[in-house]
């Protein structure tokens, strides 16, 4: 075996499941649209609320980037004063910190 670290590749569904589990662990109400076929294009993957805190998060894995519609939603929500995030599995430690607070 080489000295290089073993890199685990997650699917977006697996990553979303991790975020859902973390949110529940730290007492957040969690919403994820099951099938977005009739929903507006680009709405963020996850919505979480706890007390007076509201988070919108778009989840991506690998080299995937948000679509134009996803960026438009994230920017509109940020302009409205909401907490918005674009999270990748590499952001896991930061995600834990945010959801713990």
N, C-alpha and C. Protein backbone atom coordinates (compact mmCIF):
# COMPACT_ATOMS: atom_id res chain seq x y z
N UNK A 1 0.84 -1.19 0.00
CA UNK A 1 0.00 0.00 0.00
C UNK A 1 0.89 1.24 0.00
N UNK A 2 0.46 2.27 -0.72
CA UNK A 2 1.25 3.49 -0.82
C UNK A 2 0.95 4.43 0.34
N UNK A 3 1.70 5.53 0.41
CA UNK A 3 1.51 6.53 1.45
C UNK A 3 0.32 7.44 1.16
N UNK A 4 -0.22 7.37 -0.04
CA UNK A 4 -1.35 8.23 -0.38
C UNK A 4 -2.58 7.81 0.40
N UNK A 5 -3.33 8.79 0.86
CA UNK A 5 -4.55 8.51 1.62
C UNK A 5 -5.61 7.92 0.70
N UNK A 6 -6.36 6.99 1.22
CA UNK A 6 -7.45 6.38 0.49
C UNK A 6 -8.59 7.39 0.40
N UNK A 7 -9.02 7.69 -0.80
CA UNK A 7 -10.07 8.68 -0.99
C UNK A 7 -11.40 7.96 -1.19
N UNK A 8 -12.36 8.27 -0.34
CA UNK A 8 -13.69 7.68 -0.43
C UNK A 8 -14.55 8.58 -1.31
N UNK A 9 -15.18 7.97 -2.30
CA UNK A 9 -16.04 8.72 -3.21
C UNK A 9 -17.49 8.45 -2.83
N UNK A 10 -18.20 9.52 -2.50
CA UNK A 10 -19.61 9.41 -2.13
C UNK A 10 -20.48 9.80 -3.31
N UNK A 11 -21.66 9.23 -3.36
CA UNK A 11 -22.67 9.73 -4.28
C UNK A 11 -23.35 10.92 -3.60
N UNK A 12 -24.06 11.72 -4.38
CA UNK A 12 -24.76 12.85 -3.78
C UNK A 12 -25.84 12.35 -2.81
N UNK A 13 -26.45 11.24 -3.14
CA UNK A 13 -27.47 10.67 -2.24
C UNK A 13 -26.85 10.25 -0.90
N UNK A 14 -25.67 9.64 -0.92
CA UNK A 14 -24.99 9.26 0.31
C UNK A 14 -24.59 10.49 1.12
N UNK A 15 -24.10 11.51 0.43
CA UNK A 15 -23.72 12.76 1.09
C UNK A 15 -24.94 13.41 1.73
N UNK A 16 -26.03 13.46 1.00
CA UNK A 16 -27.27 14.03 1.53
C UNK A 16 -27.71 13.27 2.78
N UNK A 17 -27.59 11.97 2.77
CA UNK A 17 -27.95 11.15 3.93
C UNK A 17 -27.09 11.50 5.14
N UNK A 18 -25.80 11.75 4.92
CA UNK A 18 -24.92 12.16 6.02
C UNK A 18 -25.36 13.49 6.61
N UNK A 19 -25.71 14.43 5.73
CA UNK A 19 -26.14 15.75 6.20
C UNK A 19 -27.44 15.62 6.99
N UNK A 20 -28.36 14.82 6.49
CA UNK A 20 -29.63 14.58 7.18
C UNK A 20 -29.39 14.00 8.57
N UNK A 21 -28.52 13.01 8.66
CA UNK A 21 -28.21 12.40 9.95
C UNK A 21 -27.59 13.41 10.92
N UNK A 22 -26.66 14.23 10.42
CA UNK A 22 -26.04 15.26 11.27
C UNK A 22 -27.08 16.27 11.75
N UNK A 23 -27.94 16.69 10.85
CA UNK A 23 -28.97 17.67 11.21
C UNK A 23 -29.86 17.11 12.32
N UNK A 24 -30.29 15.89 12.17
CA UNK A 24 -31.13 15.27 13.20
C UNK A 24 -30.36 15.13 14.51
N UNK A 25 -29.09 14.74 14.44
CA UNK A 25 -28.27 14.58 15.64
C UNK A 25 -28.20 15.88 16.44
N UNK A 26 -28.10 17.01 15.74
CA UNK A 26 -27.97 18.30 16.40
C UNK A 26 -29.28 19.06 16.54
N UNK A 27 -30.40 18.38 16.36
CA UNK A 27 -31.71 18.96 16.67
C UNK A 27 -32.33 19.85 15.61
N UNK A 28 -31.88 19.74 14.37
CA UNK A 28 -32.44 20.54 13.29
C UNK A 28 -33.65 19.83 12.68
N UNK A 29 -34.66 20.58 12.29
CA UNK A 29 -35.72 20.07 11.42
C UNK A 29 -35.10 20.08 10.03
N UNK A 30 -35.36 19.04 9.27
CA UNK A 30 -34.67 18.85 8.00
C UNK A 30 -35.67 18.60 6.89
N UNK A 31 -35.45 19.25 5.75
CA UNK A 31 -36.31 19.03 4.58
C UNK A 31 -35.45 18.82 3.35
N UNK A 32 -35.81 17.82 2.58
CA UNK A 32 -35.17 17.56 1.29
C UNK A 32 -36.29 17.11 0.35
N UNK A 33 -36.41 17.77 -0.79
CA UNK A 33 -37.44 17.38 -1.76
C UNK A 33 -37.13 16.00 -2.30
N UNK A 34 -38.08 15.09 -2.18
CA UNK A 34 -37.88 13.71 -2.62
C UNK A 34 -37.76 13.64 -4.13
N UNK A 35 -38.73 14.21 -4.83
CA UNK A 35 -38.70 14.24 -6.29
C UNK A 35 -38.98 15.67 -6.73
N UNK A 36 -38.05 16.27 -7.37
CA UNK A 36 -38.18 17.70 -7.71
C UNK A 36 -38.79 17.93 -9.08
N UNK A 37 -39.39 16.93 -9.67
CA UNK A 37 -39.89 17.02 -11.04
C UNK A 37 -40.87 18.18 -11.26
N UNK A 38 -41.69 18.50 -10.28
CA UNK A 38 -42.65 19.60 -10.43
C UNK A 38 -42.26 20.84 -9.61
N UNK A 39 -41.03 20.87 -9.13
CA UNK A 39 -40.56 22.00 -8.33
C UNK A 39 -39.78 22.97 -9.20
N UNK A 40 -39.68 24.22 -8.75
CA UNK A 40 -38.88 25.19 -9.52
C UNK A 40 -37.43 24.72 -9.64
N UNK A 41 -36.85 24.91 -10.80
CA UNK A 41 -35.47 24.50 -11.06
C UNK A 41 -34.51 25.24 -10.14
N UNK A 42 -33.56 24.51 -9.57
CA UNK A 42 -32.47 25.11 -8.83
C UNK A 42 -32.67 25.30 -7.34
N UNK A 43 -33.86 25.02 -6.81
CA UNK A 43 -34.06 25.23 -5.37
C UNK A 43 -33.06 24.36 -4.61
N UNK A 44 -32.47 24.89 -3.52
CA UNK A 44 -31.44 24.15 -2.80
C UNK A 44 -31.89 22.77 -2.33
N UNK A 45 -30.92 21.87 -2.22
CA UNK A 45 -31.19 20.48 -1.83
C UNK A 45 -31.79 20.35 -0.44
N UNK A 46 -31.27 21.12 0.52
CA UNK A 46 -31.64 20.93 1.92
C UNK A 46 -32.09 22.24 2.55
N UNK A 47 -33.10 22.13 3.38
CA UNK A 47 -33.54 23.25 4.20
C UNK A 47 -33.55 22.73 5.64
N UNK A 48 -32.89 23.45 6.52
CA UNK A 48 -32.82 23.05 7.92
C UNK A 48 -33.19 24.23 8.81
N UNK A 49 -33.95 23.95 9.86
CA UNK A 49 -34.34 25.00 10.79
C UNK A 49 -34.21 24.48 12.22
N UNK A 50 -33.67 25.35 13.06
CA UNK A 50 -33.58 25.07 14.50
C UNK A 50 -33.65 26.40 15.21
N UNK A 51 -34.63 26.51 16.10
CA UNK A 51 -34.87 27.76 16.82
C UNK A 51 -35.04 28.89 15.79
N UNK A 52 -34.24 29.95 15.90
CA UNK A 52 -34.37 31.07 14.97
C UNK A 52 -33.38 30.96 13.81
N UNK A 53 -32.78 29.80 13.61
CA UNK A 53 -31.79 29.61 12.56
C UNK A 53 -32.39 28.85 11.39
N UNK A 54 -32.10 29.34 10.19
CA UNK A 54 -32.58 28.73 8.96
C UNK A 54 -31.41 28.60 8.00
N UNK A 55 -31.22 27.39 7.46
CA UNK A 55 -30.12 27.12 6.55
C UNK A 55 -30.66 26.54 5.26
N UNK A 56 -30.12 27.03 4.15
CA UNK A 56 -30.36 26.45 2.83
C UNK A 56 -29.01 25.94 2.33
N UNK A 57 -28.96 24.67 1.91
CA UNK A 57 -27.68 24.12 1.46
C UNK A 57 -27.85 23.37 0.14
N UNK A 58 -26.95 23.67 -0.77
CA UNK A 58 -26.85 22.93 -2.03
C UNK A 58 -25.70 21.95 -1.84
N UNK A 59 -25.92 20.69 -2.18
CA UNK A 59 -24.92 19.66 -1.99
C UNK A 59 -24.37 19.19 -3.33
N UNK A 60 -23.07 19.04 -3.40
CA UNK A 60 -22.42 18.56 -4.61
C UNK A 60 -21.32 17.58 -4.23
N UNK A 61 -21.01 16.68 -5.12
CA UNK A 61 -19.91 15.75 -4.91
C UNK A 61 -18.98 15.80 -6.12
N UNK A 62 -17.74 15.38 -5.88
CA UNK A 62 -16.78 15.34 -6.98
C UNK A 62 -16.53 16.71 -7.56
N UNK A 63 -16.50 16.75 -8.89
CA UNK A 63 -16.25 18.01 -9.60
C UNK A 63 -17.54 18.69 -10.03
N UNK A 64 -18.69 18.19 -9.57
CA UNK A 64 -19.97 18.78 -9.94
C UNK A 64 -20.06 20.21 -9.44
N UNK A 65 -20.63 21.06 -10.26
CA UNK A 65 -20.82 22.46 -9.93
C UNK A 65 -22.32 22.79 -9.99
N UNK A 66 -22.75 23.79 -9.24
CA UNK A 66 -24.16 24.18 -9.29
C UNK A 66 -24.54 24.68 -10.68
N UNK A 67 -25.80 24.48 -11.02
CA UNK A 67 -26.33 25.01 -12.27
C UNK A 67 -26.56 26.51 -12.11
N UNK A 68 -26.81 27.19 -13.21
CA UNK A 68 -27.12 28.62 -13.16
C UNK A 68 -28.33 28.85 -12.27
N UNK A 69 -29.35 28.02 -12.40
CA UNK A 69 -30.57 28.17 -11.58
C UNK A 69 -30.25 27.99 -10.10
N UNK A 70 -29.37 27.07 -9.77
CA UNK A 70 -29.00 26.86 -8.37
C UNK A 70 -28.27 28.08 -7.81
N UNK A 71 -27.36 28.64 -8.60
CA UNK A 71 -26.67 29.86 -8.16
C UNK A 71 -27.67 31.01 -7.97
N UNK A 72 -28.63 31.13 -8.85
CA UNK A 72 -29.63 32.20 -8.74
C UNK A 72 -30.41 32.06 -7.44
N UNK A 73 -30.85 30.84 -7.10
CA UNK A 73 -31.56 30.61 -5.85
C UNK A 73 -30.69 30.94 -4.65
N UNK A 74 -29.45 30.45 -4.64
CA UNK A 74 -28.57 30.70 -3.50
C UNK A 74 -28.31 32.19 -3.32
N UNK A 75 -28.09 32.90 -4.41
CA UNK A 75 -27.85 34.34 -4.32
C UNK A 75 -29.10 35.08 -3.85
N UNK A 76 -30.27 34.68 -4.34
CA UNK A 76 -31.51 35.35 -3.93
C UNK A 76 -31.77 35.13 -2.43
N UNK A 77 -31.56 33.92 -1.96
CA UNK A 77 -31.76 33.64 -0.54
C UNK A 77 -30.74 34.39 0.32
N UNK A 78 -29.50 34.48 -0.14
CA UNK A 78 -28.48 35.23 0.60
C UNK A 78 -28.84 36.71 0.67
N UNK A 79 -29.31 37.27 -0.44
CA UNK A 79 -29.72 38.68 -0.46
C UNK A 79 -30.89 38.92 0.49
N UNK A 80 -31.71 37.89 0.71
CA UNK A 80 -32.84 37.99 1.63
C UNK A 80 -32.41 37.78 3.08
N UNK A 81 -31.10 37.66 3.31
CA UNK A 81 -30.57 37.55 4.66
C UNK A 81 -30.52 36.13 5.21
N UNK A 82 -30.69 35.14 4.36
CA UNK A 82 -30.67 33.75 4.82
C UNK A 82 -29.25 33.19 4.79
N UNK A 83 -29.03 32.17 5.60
CA UNK A 83 -27.75 31.45 5.60
C UNK A 83 -27.78 30.43 4.49
N UNK A 84 -26.90 30.58 3.50
CA UNK A 84 -26.85 29.65 2.37
C UNK A 84 -25.44 29.07 2.26
N UNK A 85 -25.40 27.81 1.85
CA UNK A 85 -24.13 27.11 1.75
C UNK A 85 -24.11 26.26 0.50
N UNK A 86 -22.92 26.12 -0.05
CA UNK A 86 -22.64 25.15 -1.11
C UNK A 86 -21.64 24.19 -0.49
N UNK A 87 -22.09 22.96 -0.21
CA UNK A 87 -21.27 22.01 0.52
C UNK A 87 -20.84 20.83 -0.34
N UNK A 88 -19.60 20.43 -0.15
CA UNK A 88 -19.01 19.23 -0.73
C UNK A 88 -18.59 18.32 0.42
N UNK A 89 -18.42 17.03 0.17
CA UNK A 89 -17.97 16.14 1.25
C UNK A 89 -16.68 16.62 1.93
N UNK A 90 -15.83 17.30 1.20
CA UNK A 90 -14.58 17.82 1.77
C UNK A 90 -14.83 18.88 2.84
N UNK A 91 -16.04 19.43 2.89
CA UNK A 91 -16.40 20.46 3.86
C UNK A 91 -16.96 19.87 5.15
N UNK A 92 -16.85 18.56 5.33
CA UNK A 92 -17.54 17.88 6.42
C UNK A 92 -17.25 18.47 7.79
N UNK A 93 -16.00 18.77 8.10
CA UNK A 93 -15.67 19.35 9.41
C UNK A 93 -16.37 20.69 9.62
N UNK A 94 -16.39 21.51 8.60
CA UNK A 94 -17.08 22.81 8.67
C UNK A 94 -18.58 22.61 8.85
N UNK A 95 -19.14 21.64 8.15
CA UNK A 95 -20.57 21.35 8.25
C UNK A 95 -20.93 20.96 9.68
N UNK A 96 -20.11 20.10 10.29
CA UNK A 96 -20.33 19.68 11.67
C UNK A 96 -20.31 20.90 12.57
N UNK A 97 -19.33 21.78 12.41
CA UNK A 97 -19.23 23.00 13.23
C UNK A 97 -20.49 23.85 13.11
N UNK A 98 -20.96 24.05 11.88
CA UNK A 98 -22.13 24.89 11.64
C UNK A 98 -23.37 24.28 12.29
N UNK A 99 -23.56 22.98 12.12
CA UNK A 99 -24.76 22.35 12.64
C UNK A 99 -24.72 22.15 14.15
N UNK A 100 -23.53 22.13 14.74
CA UNK A 100 -23.41 22.02 16.20
C UNK A 100 -23.82 23.31 16.91
N UNK A 101 -23.54 24.44 16.31
CA UNK A 101 -23.79 25.75 16.94
C UNK A 101 -25.26 26.01 17.15
